[in-house]
Amino acid sequence: MIMKEWSARWLCGLRLKPRTIESYQALIRHYILPTLGAVELAELSTEAIQAALAVPLSAGHGRTAEQLYILLAQLCRAAARAGHMERSPMDAILRPYHVPTPTAWWSPEDAARFLRLRQLALDPHIVVWVIALCCGLRRGELCGLQWQDIDLQQCTIRVTRQRITLADGRTVAAPPKSRSSARTLAIPADLANWLTAHRPATGGYVAISATTGHPITPGGLDSAWRRAVRASGMPPITLHGCRHTCGAAAVRAGVAMRVLQDIMGHSSDAVTSQIYAHVDSTAQRAALDSITGLMI
């Protein structure tokens, strides 16, 4: 059996989220089929796989190379279990690790200035920006948030869904990114009072297109964010940078990593610590500086 046939059969047996299946299909279409599609599984060599991995690496796409490695490892492991190859050639190949570029974020002072400016400008998405910066929701979670998920009496926000755009252009509601992403945030009374004052009578989705009146798409929310930042004159950050603004502010305020993990919806506090290690080092330096000042 050749890799083209096996990858198609393997994909058909998966029970994963549509977005994950689409990402696998794209990797197979762009990187596996052109280089390995016609290769017999029993003859698949480490050299051939390394040549396939070199394609995204040579283009500077380190994250894609890492994802391709993970996918090939799954394909080969499943093929070995099914008896199509004696052992997985991936066992002899080192995983390419991608070090992501740190996402820019604002200081709490910059975030507060942005929100003041956008309130004065009567920004139709001001509620979304406040929740993004104060609660750290992901883009898809912001798009999926409904007013019924916000309990203004109990002061909670429930993250129960996200909205994602599929490869065919359709935007659909989907479960949160992971099990830990489904969470309930206990928000302060001040934020609940502010949201009460800005809650529309109609309810529905929180993120609504200002032009169509329909729930805004993730791409549309990105565009609205970029326009808002340009209009404010603030240093540019992405919408995802709002999430890091929230996380970095929490770390600097001394919030425990375990608590921040729950707020951000990470799978473990180790993930949270890795993401915000650079911020935590600033807090550590300040703590040691105060200790050192007492001793020398």
C-alpha atoms as a PDB file:
ATOM      1  CA  MET A   1       0.000   0.000   0.000  1.00  0.00           C
ATOM      2  CA  ILE A   2       1.318   3.445  -0.875  1.00  0.00           C
ATOM      3  CA  MET A   3       1.234   6.466   1.430  1.00  0.00           C
ATOM      4  CA  LYS A   4      -1.502   8.185  -0.604  1.00  0.00           C
ATOM      5  CA  GLU A   5      -3.913   5.285  -0.059  1.00  0.00           C
ATOM      6  CA  TRP A   6      -2.956   4.818   3.579  1.00  0.00           C
ATOM      7  CA  SER A   7      -3.298   8.502   4.518  1.00  0.00           C
ATOM      8  CA  ALA A   8      -6.797   8.609   2.970  1.00  0.00           C
ATOM      9  CA  ARG A   9      -7.843   5.443   4.829  1.00  0.00           C
ATOM     10  CA  TRP A  10      -6.342   6.669   8.092  1.00  0.00           C
ATOM     11  CA  LEU A  11      -8.119  10.017   7.845  1.00  0.00           C
ATOM     12  CA  CYS A  12     -11.486   8.328   7.304  1.00  0.00           C
ATOM     13  CA  GLY A  13     -11.136   6.497  10.605  1.00  0.00           C
ATOM     14  CA  LEU A  14     -10.504   9.595  12.711  1.00  0.00           C
ATOM     15  CA  ARG A  15     -13.086  11.104  15.031  1.00  0.00           C
ATOM     16  CA  LEU A  16     -11.745  14.594  15.549  1.00  0.00           C
ATOM     17  CA  LYS A  17     -12.981  18.171  15.337  1.00  0.00           C
ATOM     18  CA  PRO A  18     -13.580  19.437  11.763  1.00  0.00           C
ATOM     19  CA  ARG A  19     -10.842  22.071  12.148  1.00  0.00           C
ATOM     20  CA  THR A  20      -8.287  19.400  13.107  1.00  0.00           C
ATOM     21  CA  ILE A  21      -9.272  17.175  10.171  1.00  0.00           C
ATOM     22  CA  GLU A  22      -8.927  20.144   7.824  1.00  0.00           C
ATOM     23  CA  SER A  23      -5.441  20.920   9.112  1.00  0.00           C
ATOM     24  CA  TYR A  24      -4.409  17.280   8.592  1.00  0.00           C
ATOM     25  CA  GLN A  25      -5.850  17.318   5.064  1.00  0.00           C
ATOM     26  CA  ALA A  26      -3.905  20.472   4.240  1.00  0.00           C
ATOM     27  CA  LEU A  27      -0.619  19.007   5.499  1.00  0.00           C
ATOM     28  CA  ILE A  28      -1.189  15.791   3.541  1.00  0.00           C
ATOM     29  CA  ARG A  29      -2.143  17.676   0.387  1.00  0.00           C
ATOM     30  CA  HIS A  30       0.721  20.195   0.460  1.00  0.00           C
ATOM     31  CA  TYR A  31       3.608  18.210   1.963  1.00  0.00           C
ATOM     32  CA  ILE A  32       3.011  14.460   2.144  1.00  0.00           C
ATOM     33  CA  LEU A  33       1.427  13.608  -1.216  1.00  0.00           C
ATOM     34  CA  PRO A  34       3.925  15.554  -3.394  1.00  0.00           C
ATOM     35  CA  THR A  35       6.960  13.859  -1.812  1.00  0.00           C
ATOM     36  CA  LEU A  36       5.762  10.605  -0.244  1.00  0.00           C
ATOM     37  CA  GLY A  37       2.382   9.884  -1.830  1.00  0.00           C
ATOM     38  CA  ALA A  38       3.616   7.238  -4.284  1.00  0.00           C
ATOM     39  CA  VAL A  39       6.013   5.535  -1.838  1.00  0.00           C
ATOM     40  CA  GLU A  40       5.161   2.029  -0.623  1.00  0.00           C
ATOM     41  CA  LEU A  41       4.757   2.025   3.146  1.00  0.00           C
ATOM     42  CA  ALA A  42       7.103  -0.943   3.519  1.00  0.00           C
ATOM     43  CA  GLU A  43       9.792   1.017   1.644  1.00  0.00           C
ATOM     44  CA  LEU A  44       9.364   4.359   3.403  1.00  0.00           C
ATOM     45  CA  SER A  45      12.804   5.496   4.578  1.00  0.00           C
ATOM     46  CA  THR A  46      14.005   8.031   7.099  1.00  0.00           C
ATOM     47  CA  GLU A  47      15.775   9.849   4.256  1.00  0.00           C
ATOM     48  CA  ALA A  48      12.518  10.288   2.336  1.00  0.00           C
ATOM     49  CA  ILE A  49      10.731  11.582   5.425  1.00  0.00           C
ATOM     50  CA  GLN A  50      13.547  13.994   6.229  1.00  0.00           C
ATOM     51  CA  ALA A  51      13.317  15.314   2.666  1.00  0.00           C
ATOM     52  CA  ALA A  52       9.593  15.935   3.185  1.00  0.00           C
ATOM     53  CA  LEU A  53      10.244  17.725   6.483  1.00  0.00           C
ATOM     54  CA  ALA A  54      12.917  19.854   4.823  1.00  0.00           C
ATOM     55  CA  VAL A  55      10.329  21.499   2.547  1.00  0.00           C
ATOM     56  CA  PRO A  56       8.593  23.621   5.208  1.00  0.00           C
ATOM     57  CA  LEU A  57      11.827  24.032   7.165  1.00  0.00           C
ATOM     58  CA  SER A  58      13.659  25.502   4.174  1.00  0.00           C
ATOM     59  CA  ALA A  59      10.797  27.962   3.700  1.00  0.00           C
ATOM     60  CA  GLY A  60      11.136  29.114   7.302  1.00  0.00           C
ATOM     61  CA  HIS A  61       7.876  27.482   8.400  1.00  0.00           C
ATOM     62  CA  GLY A  62       9.095  25.881  11.614  1.00  0.00           C
ATOM     63  CA  ARG A  63       5.643  25.462  13.138  1.00  0.00           C
ATOM     64  CA  THR A  64       4.402  23.694   9.987  1.00  0.00           C
ATOM     65  CA  ALA A  65       7.418  21.360  10.061  1.00  0.00           C
ATOM     66  CA  GLU A  66       6.653  20.461  13.681  1.00  0.00           C
ATOM     67  CA  GLN A  67       2.993  19.761  12.835  1.00  0.00           C
ATOM     68  CA  LEU A  68       4.054  17.690   9.814  1.00  0.00           C
ATOM     69  CA  TYR A  69       6.384  15.620  12.002  1.00  0.00           C
ATOM     70  CA  ILE A  70       3.572  14.907  14.477  1.00  0.00           C
ATOM     71  CA  LEU A  71       1.210  13.888  11.669  1.00  0.00           C
ATOM     72  CA  LEU A  72       3.796  11.624   9.996  1.00  0.00           C
ATOM     73  CA  ALA A  73       4.545   9.992  13.349  1.00  0.00           C
ATOM     74  CA  GLN A  74       0.860   9.163  13.771  1.00  0.00           C
ATOM     75  CA  LEU A  75       0.553   7.850  10.211  1.00  0.00           C
ATOM     76  CA  CYS A  76       3.623   5.628  10.508  1.00  0.00           C
ATOM     77  CA  ARG A  77       2.764   4.370  13.976  1.00  0.00           C
ATOM     78  CA  ALA A  78      -0.715   3.369  12.791  1.00  0.00           C
ATOM     79  CA  ALA A  79       0.749   1.740   9.659  1.00  0.00           C
ATOM     80  CA  ALA A  80       3.164  -0.311  11.773  1.00  0.00           C
ATOM     81  CA  ARG A  81       0.337  -1.452  14.034  1.00  0.00           C
ATOM     82  CA  ALA A  82      -1.666  -2.470  10.962  1.00  0.00           C
ATOM     83  CA  GLY A  83       1.273  -4.520   9.667  1.00  0.00           C
ATOM     84  CA  HIS A  84       2.055  -2.349   6.638  1.00  0.00           C
ATOM     85  CA  MET A  85       5.616  -1.683   7.828  1.00  0.00           C
ATOM     86  CA  GLU A  86       7.940  -3.513  10.187  1.00  0.00           C
ATOM     87  CA  ARG A  87       8.616  -0.459  12.349  1.00  0.00           C
ATOM     88  CA  SER A  88       8.032   3.255  12.128  1.00  0.00           C
ATOM     89  CA  PRO A  89      10.895   5.107  10.400  1.00  0.00           C
ATOM     90  CA  MET A  90       9.917   8.137  12.485  1.00  0.00           C
ATOM     91  CA  ASP A  91      11.594   6.544  15.517  1.00  0.00           C
ATOM     92  CA  ALA A  92      14.980   7.538  14.113  1.00  0.00           C
ATOM     93  CA  ILE A  93      14.051  11.155  13.300  1.00  0.00           C
ATOM     94  CA  LEU A  94      14.353  13.999  15.778  1.00  0.00           C
ATOM     95  CA  ARG A  95      11.319  16.219  16.130  1.00  0.00           C
ATOM     96  CA  PRO A  96      11.825  19.770  14.840  1.00  0.00           C
ATOM     97  CA  TYR A  97      10.870  22.145  17.640  1.00  0.00           C
ATOM     98  CA  HIS A  98       9.456  25.521  16.732  1.00  0.00           C
ATOM     99  CA  VAL A  99      10.097  28.438  19.063  1.00  0.00           C
ATOM    100  CA  PRO A 100       7.196  30.839  18.483  1.00  0.00           C
ATOM    101  CA  THR A 101       7.729  34.576  18.266  1.00  0.00           C
ATOM    102  CA  PRO A 102       6.454  36.144  21.503  1.00  0.00           C
ATOM    103  CA  THR A 103       3.088  37.828  21.054  1.00  0.00           C
ATOM    104  CA  ALA A 104       3.116  41.566  21.754  1.00  0.00           C
ATOM    105  CA  TRP A 105       0.817  42.810  24.499  1.00  0.00           C
ATOM    106  CA  TRP A 106      -0.071  46.051  26.252  1.00  0.00           C
ATOM    107  CA  SER A 107       0.562  47.200  29.770  1.00  0.00           C
ATOM    108  CA  PRO A 108      -2.574  47.597  31.905  1.00  0.00           C
ATOM    109  CA  GLU A 109      -2.177  51.363  31.476  1.00  0.00           C
ATOM    110  CA  ASP A 110      -2.158  51.073  27.672  1.00  0.00           C
ATOM    111  CA  ALA A 111      -5.152  48.733  27.751  1.00  0.00           C
ATOM    112  CA  ALA A 112      -7.082  51.177  29.943  1.00  0.00           C
ATOM    113  CA  ARG A 113      -6.222  54.071  27.617  1.00  0.00           C
ATOM    114  CA  PHE A 114      -7.394  52.083  24.580  1.00  0.00           C
ATOM    115  CA  LEU A 115     -10.717  51.235  26.229  1.00  0.00           C
ATOM    116  CA  ARG A 116     -11.299  54.870  27.245  1.00  0.00           C
ATOM    117  CA  LEU A 117     -10.633  56.050  23.695  1.00  0.00           C
ATOM    118  CA  ARG A 118     -12.904  53.430  22.153  1.00  0.00           C
ATOM    119  CA  GLN A 119     -15.713  54.225  24.587  1.00  0.00           C
ATOM    120  CA  LEU A 120     -15.489  57.898  23.627  1.00  0.00           C
ATOM    121  CA  ALA A 121     -15.577  56.839  19.966  1.00  0.00           C
ATOM    122  CA  LEU A 122     -18.757  54.789  20.621  1.00  0.00           C
ATOM    123  CA  ASP A 123     -17.063  51.652  19.298  1.00  0.00           C
ATOM    124  CA  PRO A 124     -19.806  49.080  18.560  1.00  0.00           C
ATOM    125  CA  HIS A 125     -17.480  46.312  19.767  1.00  0.00           C
ATOM    126  CA  ILE A 126     -16.475  47.924  23.066  1.00  0.00           C
ATOM    127  CA  VAL A 127     -18.013  45.068  25.101  1.00  0.00           C
ATOM    128  CA  VAL A 128     -15.959  42.521  23.156  1.00  0.00           C
ATOM    129  CA  TRP A 129     -12.755  44.505  23.688  1.00  0.00           C
ATOM    130  CA  VAL A 130     -13.421  44.815  27.437  1.00  0.00           C
ATOM    131  CA  ILE A 131     -14.021  41.068  27.812  1.00  0.00           C
ATOM    132  CA  ALA A 132     -10.986  40.242  25.649  1.00  0.00           C
ATOM    133  CA  LEU A 133      -8.638  42.433  27.681  1.00  0.00           C
ATOM    134  CA  CYS A 134     -10.082  41.768  31.147  1.00  0.00           C
ATOM    135  CA  CYS A 135     -10.895  38.053  30.829  1.00  0.00           C
ATOM    136  CA  GLY A 136      -8.419  36.759  28.220  1.00  0.00           C
ATOM    137  CA  LEU A 137     -10.874  34.882  26.000  1.00  0.00           C
ATOM    138  CA  ARG A 138      -9.625  33.489  22.704  1.00  0.00           C
ATOM    139  CA  ARG A 139     -10.908  34.925  19.418  1.00  0.00           C
ATOM    140  CA  GLY A 140     -13.210  31.972  18.726  1.00  0.00           C
ATOM    141  CA  GLU A 141     -14.517  32.100  22.299  1.00  0.00           C
ATOM    142  CA  LEU A 142     -15.313  35.799  21.927  1.00  0.00           C
ATOM    143  CA  CYS A 143     -17.207  35.070  18.709  1.00  0.00           C
ATOM    144  CA  GLY A 144     -19.108  32.220  20.379  1.00  0.00           C
ATOM    145  CA  LEU A 145     -20.007  34.086  23.572  1.00  0.00           C
ATOM    146  CA  GLN A 146     -23.708  34.826  24.085  1.00  0.00           C
ATOM    147  CA  TRP A 147     -25.317  37.102  26.635  1.00  0.00           C
ATOM    148  CA  GLN A 148     -27.021  34.078  28.166  1.00  0.00           C
ATOM    149  CA  ASP A 149     -23.511  32.843  29.075  1.00  0.00           C
ATOM    150  CA  ILE A 150     -22.964  35.955  31.214  1.00  0.00           C
ATOM    151  CA  ASP A 151     -24.692  35.767  34.594  1.00  0.00           C
ATOM    152  CA  LEU A 152     -24.702  39.354  35.784  1.00  0.00           C
ATOM    153  CA  GLN A 153     -26.323  38.400  39.101  1.00  0.00           C
ATOM    154  CA  GLN A 154     -23.788  35.706  40.020  1.00  0.00           C
ATOM    155  CA  CYS A 155     -20.938  37.596  38.296  1.00  0.00           C
ATOM    156  CA  THR A 156     -19.788  34.750  36.049  1.00  0.00           C
ATOM    157  CA  ILE A 157     -18.964  34.196  32.390  1.00  0.00           C
ATOM    158  CA  ARG A 158     -19.307  30.652  31.040  1.00  0.00           C
ATOM    159  CA  VAL A 159     -17.160  29.663  28.058  1.00  0.00           C
ATOM    160  CA  THR A 160     -19.124  26.835  26.441  1.00  0.00           C
ATOM    161  CA  ARG A 161     -18.549  27.256  22.704  1.00  0.00           C
ATOM    162  CA  GLN A 162     -16.425  28.883  20.050  1.00  0.00           C
ATOM    163  CA  ARG A 163     -17.166  29.928  16.486  1.00  0.00           C
ATOM    164  CA  ILE A 164     -14.690  28.816  13.823  1.00  0.00           C
ATOM    165  CA  THR A 165     -14.393  29.342  10.080  1.00  0.00           C
ATOM    166  CA  LEU A 166     -13.969  26.155   8.049  1.00  0.00           C
ATOM    167  CA  ALA A 167     -11.963  25.756   4.852  1.00  0.00           C
ATOM    168  CA  ASP A 168     -15.121  26.118   2.742  1.00  0.00           C
ATOM    169  CA  GLY A 169     -15.745  29.563   4.243  1.00  0.00           C
ATOM    170  CA  ARG A 170     -18.602  28.587   6.559  1.00  0.00           C
ATOM    171  CA  THR A 171     -18.489  29.866  10.135  1.00  0.00           C
ATOM    172  CA  VAL A 172     -19.981  27.398  12.598  1.00  0.00           C
ATOM    173  CA  ALA A 173     -20.372  26.959  16.345  1.00  0.00           C
ATOM    174  CA  ALA A 174     -18.107  24.296  17.851  1.00  0.00           C
ATOM    175  CA  PRO A 175     -17.075  23.041  21.298  1.00  0.00           C
ATOM    176  CA  PRO A 176     -14.220  24.919  22.979  1.00  0.00           C
ATOM    177  CA  LYS A 177     -10.655  24.207  21.874  1.00  0.00           C
ATOM    178  CA  SER A 178     -10.111  21.571  24.577  1.00  0.00           C
ATOM    179  CA  ARG A 179     -11.778  20.159  27.673  1.00  0.00           C
ATOM    180  CA  SER A 180      -9.948  22.656  29.872  1.00  0.00           C
ATOM    181  CA  SER A 181     -11.068  25.508  27.600  1.00  0.00           C
ATOM    182  CA  ALA A 182     -14.672  25.001  28.749  1.00  0.00           C
ATOM    183  CA  ARG A 183     -14.656  27.048  31.933  1.00  0.00           C
ATOM    184  CA  THR A 184     -16.566  29.440  34.153  1.00  0.00           C
ATOM    185  CA  LEU A 185     -14.892  32.728  35.047  1.00  0.00           C
ATOM    186  CA  ALA A 186     -15.773  34.509  38.277  1.00  0.00           C
ATOM    187  CA  ILE A 187     -15.706  38.167  37.270  1.00  0.00           C
ATOM    188  CA  PRO A 188     -15.497  41.148  39.656  1.00  0.00           C
ATOM    189  CA  ALA A 189     -18.647  43.071  40.525  1.00  0.00           C
ATOM    190  CA  ASP A 190     -17.321  46.209  38.805  1.00  0.00           C
ATOM    191  CA  LEU A 191     -17.060  44.358  35.502  1.00  0.00           C
ATOM    192  CA  ALA A 192     -20.512  42.816  35.965  1.00  0.00           C
ATOM    193  CA  ASN A 193     -21.967  46.275  36.630  1.00  0.00           C
ATOM    194  CA  TRP A 194     -20.254  47.681  33.540  1.00  0.00           C
ATOM    195  CA  LEU A 195     -21.587  44.819  31.410  1.00  0.00           C
ATOM    196  CA  THR A 196     -25.076  45.347  32.850  1.00  0.00           C
ATOM    197  CA  ALA A 197     -24.983  48.958  31.681  1.00  0.00           C
ATOM    198  CA  HIS A 198     -23.917  47.887  28.178  1.00  0.00           C
ATOM    199  CA  ARG A 199     -26.162  44.857  27.745  1.00  0.00           C
ATOM    200  CA  PRO A 200     -28.535  45.192  24.767  1.00  0.00           C
ATOM    201  CA  ALA A 201     -32.211  44.418  25.224  1.00  0.00           C
ATOM    202  CA  THR A 202     -32.140  41.750  22.513  1.00  0.00           C
ATOM    203  CA  GLY A 203     -29.424  39.505  23.990  1.00  0.00           C
ATOM    204  CA  GLY A 204     -27.991  36.945  21.561  1.00  0.00           C
ATOM    205  CA  TYR A 205     -24.315  36.882  20.593  1.00  0.00           C
ATOM    206  CA  VAL A 206     -22.035  39.453  22.196  1.00  0.00           C
ATOM    207  CA  ALA A 207     -19.889  39.955  19.078  1.00  0.00           C
ATOM    208  CA  ILE A 208     -22.235  41.301  16.390  1.00  0.00           C
ATOM    209  CA  SER A 209     -21.272  42.732  13.000  1.00  0.00           C
ATOM    210  CA  ALA A 210     -21.897  46.479  12.944  1.00  0.00           C
ATOM    211  CA  THR A 211     -22.921  46.292   9.273  1.00  0.00           C
ATOM    212  CA  THR A 212     -25.059  43.138   9.047  1.00  0.00           C
ATOM    213  CA  GLY A 213     -26.350  42.749  12.601  1.00  0.00           C
ATOM    214  CA  HIS A 214     -25.422  39.064  12.456  1.00  0.00           C
ATOM    215  CA  PRO A 215     -22.848  37.266  14.647  1.00  0.00           C
ATOM    216  CA  ILE A 216     -19.436  38.414  13.491  1.00  0.00           C
ATOM    217  CA  THR A 217     -16.969  35.923  12.014  1.00  0.00           C
ATOM    218  CA  PRO A 218     -13.514  35.387  13.546  1.00  0.00           C
ATOM    219  CA  GLY A 219     -11.927  37.071  10.533  1.00  0.00           C
ATOM    220  CA  GLY A 220     -14.379  39.940  10.787  1.00  0.00           C
ATOM    221  CA  LEU A 221     -13.539  40.416  14.457  1.00  0.00           C
ATOM    222  CA  ASP A 222      -9.826  40.514  13.595  1.00  0.00           C
ATOM    223  CA  SER A 223     -10.516  43.251  11.035  1.00  0.00           C
ATOM    224  CA  ALA A 224     -12.638  45.244  13.487  1.00  0.00           C
ATOM    225  CA  TRP A 225      -9.858  44.987  16.070  1.00  0.00           C
ATOM    226  CA  ARG A 226      -7.197  46.244  13.664  1.00  0.00           C
ATOM    227  CA  ARG A 227      -9.390  49.224  12.718  1.00  0.00           C
ATOM    228  CA  ALA A 228     -10.007  50.034  16.381  1.00  0.00           C
ATOM    229  CA  VAL A 229      -6.293  49.918  17.227  1.00  0.00           C
ATOM    230  CA  ARG A 230      -5.374  52.121  14.252  1.00  0.00           C
ATOM    231  CA  ALA A 231      -8.055  54.639  15.187  1.00  0.00           C
ATOM    232  CA  SER A 232      -6.828  54.757  18.788  1.00  0.00           C
ATOM    233  CA  GLY A 233      -3.220  55.410  17.827  1.00  0.00           C
ATOM    234  CA  MET A 234      -2.044  52.765  20.291  1.00  0.00           C
ATOM    235  CA  PRO A 235       0.964  50.497  19.619  1.00  0.00           C
ATOM    236  CA  PRO A 236      -0.350  47.704  17.371  1.00  0.00           C
ATOM    237  CA  ILE A 237      -1.070  44.306  18.885  1.00  0.00           C
ATOM    238  CA  THR A 238      -3.170  41.459  17.525  1.00  0.00           C
ATOM    239  CA  LEU A 239      -6.524  40.458  18.954  1.00  0.00           C
ATOM    240  CA  HIS A 240      -4.735  37.449  20.480  1.00  0.00           C
ATOM    241  CA  GLY A 241      -2.459  39.994  22.141  1.00  0.00           C
ATOM    242  CA  CYS A 242      -5.448  40.948  24.325  1.00  0.00           C
ATOM    243  CA  ARG A 243      -5.281  37.461  25.818  1.00  0.00           C
ATOM    244  CA  HIS A 244      -1.595  37.930  26.617  1.00  0.00           C
ATOM    245  CA  THR A 245      -2.295  41.402  27.998  1.00  0.00           C
ATOM    246  CA  CYS A 246      -4.692  39.801  30.472  1.00  0.00           C
ATOM    247  CA  GLY A 247      -2.297  36.977  31.348  1.00  0.00           C
ATOM    248  CA  ALA A 248       0.737  39.229  31.753  1.00  0.00           C
ATOM    249  CA  ALA A 249      -1.210  41.637  33.969  1.00  0.00           C
ATOM    250  CA  ALA A 250      -2.312  38.718  36.150  1.00  0.00           C
ATOM    251  CA  VAL A 251       1.262  37.457  36.556  1.00  0.00           C
ATOM    252  CA  ARG A 252       2.530  40.910  37.479  1.00  0.00           C
ATOM    253  CA  ALA A 253      -0.292  41.220  40.007  1.00  0.00           C
ATOM    254  CA  GLY A 254       0.980  38.055  41.701  1.00  0.00           C
ATOM    255  CA  VAL A 255      -1.787  35.697  40.575  1.00  0.00           C
ATOM    256  CA  ALA A 256      -0.751  32.053  41.098  1.00  0.00           C
ATOM    257  CA  MET A 257      -0.080  30.051  37.932  1.00  0.00           C
ATOM    258  CA  ARG A 258      -2.683  27.471  38.933  1.00  0.00           C
ATOM    259  CA  VAL A 259      -5.346  30.181  39.137  1.00  0.00           C
ATOM    260  CA  LEU A 260      -4.195  31.769  35.885  1.00  0.00           C
ATOM    261  CA  GLN A 261      -4.374  28.345  34.213  1.00  0.00           C
ATOM    262  CA  ASP A 262      -8.078  28.171  35.054  1.00  0.00           C
ATOM    263  CA  ILE A 263      -8.693  31.704  33.811  1.00  0.00           C
ATOM    264  CA  MET A 264      -6.932  31.120  30.490  1.00  0.00           C
ATOM    265  CA  GLY A 265      -8.297  27.611  29.989  1.00  0.00           C
ATOM    266  CA  HIS A 266      -4.881  25.961  29.625  1.00  0.00           C
ATOM    267  CA  SER A 267      -4.494  22.194  29.956  1.00  0.00           C
ATOM    268  CA  SER A 268      -1.960  22.519  32.803  1.00  0.00           C
ATOM    269  CA  ASP A 269      -0.167  25.146  34.851  1.00  0.00           C
ATOM    270  CA  ALA A 270       3.042  23.993  33.134  1.00  0.00           C
ATOM    271  CA  VAL A 271       1.657  25.359  29.859  1.00  0.00           C
ATOM    272  CA  THR A 272       0.755  28.616  31.595  1.00  0.00           C
ATOM    273  CA  SER A 273       4.203  28.884  33.171  1.00  0.00           C
ATOM    274  CA  GLN A 274       5.903  28.293  29.818  1.00  0.00           C
ATOM    275  CA  ILE A 275       3.865  31.007  28.095  1.00  0.00           C
ATOM    276  CA  TYR A 276       4.333  33.603  30.823  1.00  0.00           C
ATOM    277  CA  ALA A 277       7.821  32.670  32.018  1.00  0.00           C
ATOM    278  CA  HIS A 278       9.246  35.916  30.598  1.00  0.00           C
ATOM    279  CA  VAL A 279       6.735  37.939  32.606  1.00  0.00           C
ATOM    280  CA  ASP A 280       7.243  35.847  35.729  1.00  0.00           C
ATOM    281  CA  SER A 281      10.990  36.503  35.581  1.00  0.00           C
ATOM    282  CA  THR A 282      10.280  40.222  35.989  1.00  0.00           C
ATOM    283  CA  ALA A 283       8.291  39.508  39.148  1.00  0.00           C
ATOM    284  CA  GLN A 284      11.039  37.194  40.412  1.00  0.00           C
ATOM    285  CA  ARG A 285      13.669  39.870  39.804  1.00  0.00           C
ATOM    286  CA  ALA A 286      11.631  42.429  41.716  1.00  0.00           C
ATOM    287  CA  ALA A 287      11.174  39.992  44.611  1.00  0.00           C
ATOM    288  CA  LEU A 288      14.884  39.137  44.767  1.00  0.00           C
ATOM    289  CA  ASP A 289      15.755  42.819  44.475  1.00  0.00           C
ATOM    290  CA  SER A 290      13.707  43.576  47.581  1.00  0.00           C
ATOM    291  CA  ILE A 291      15.363  40.670  49.429  1.00  0.00           C
ATOM    292  CA  THR A 292      18.848  41.690  48.322  1.00  0.00           C
ATOM    293  CA  GLY A 293      18.189  45.227  49.478  1.00  0.00           C
ATOM    294  CA  LEU A 294      17.742  43.919  53.001  1.00  0.00           C
ATOM    295  CA  MET A 295      21.041  42.080  52.980  1.00  0.00           C
ATOM    296  CA  ILE A 296      23.667  44.032  51.058  1.00  0.00           C
END
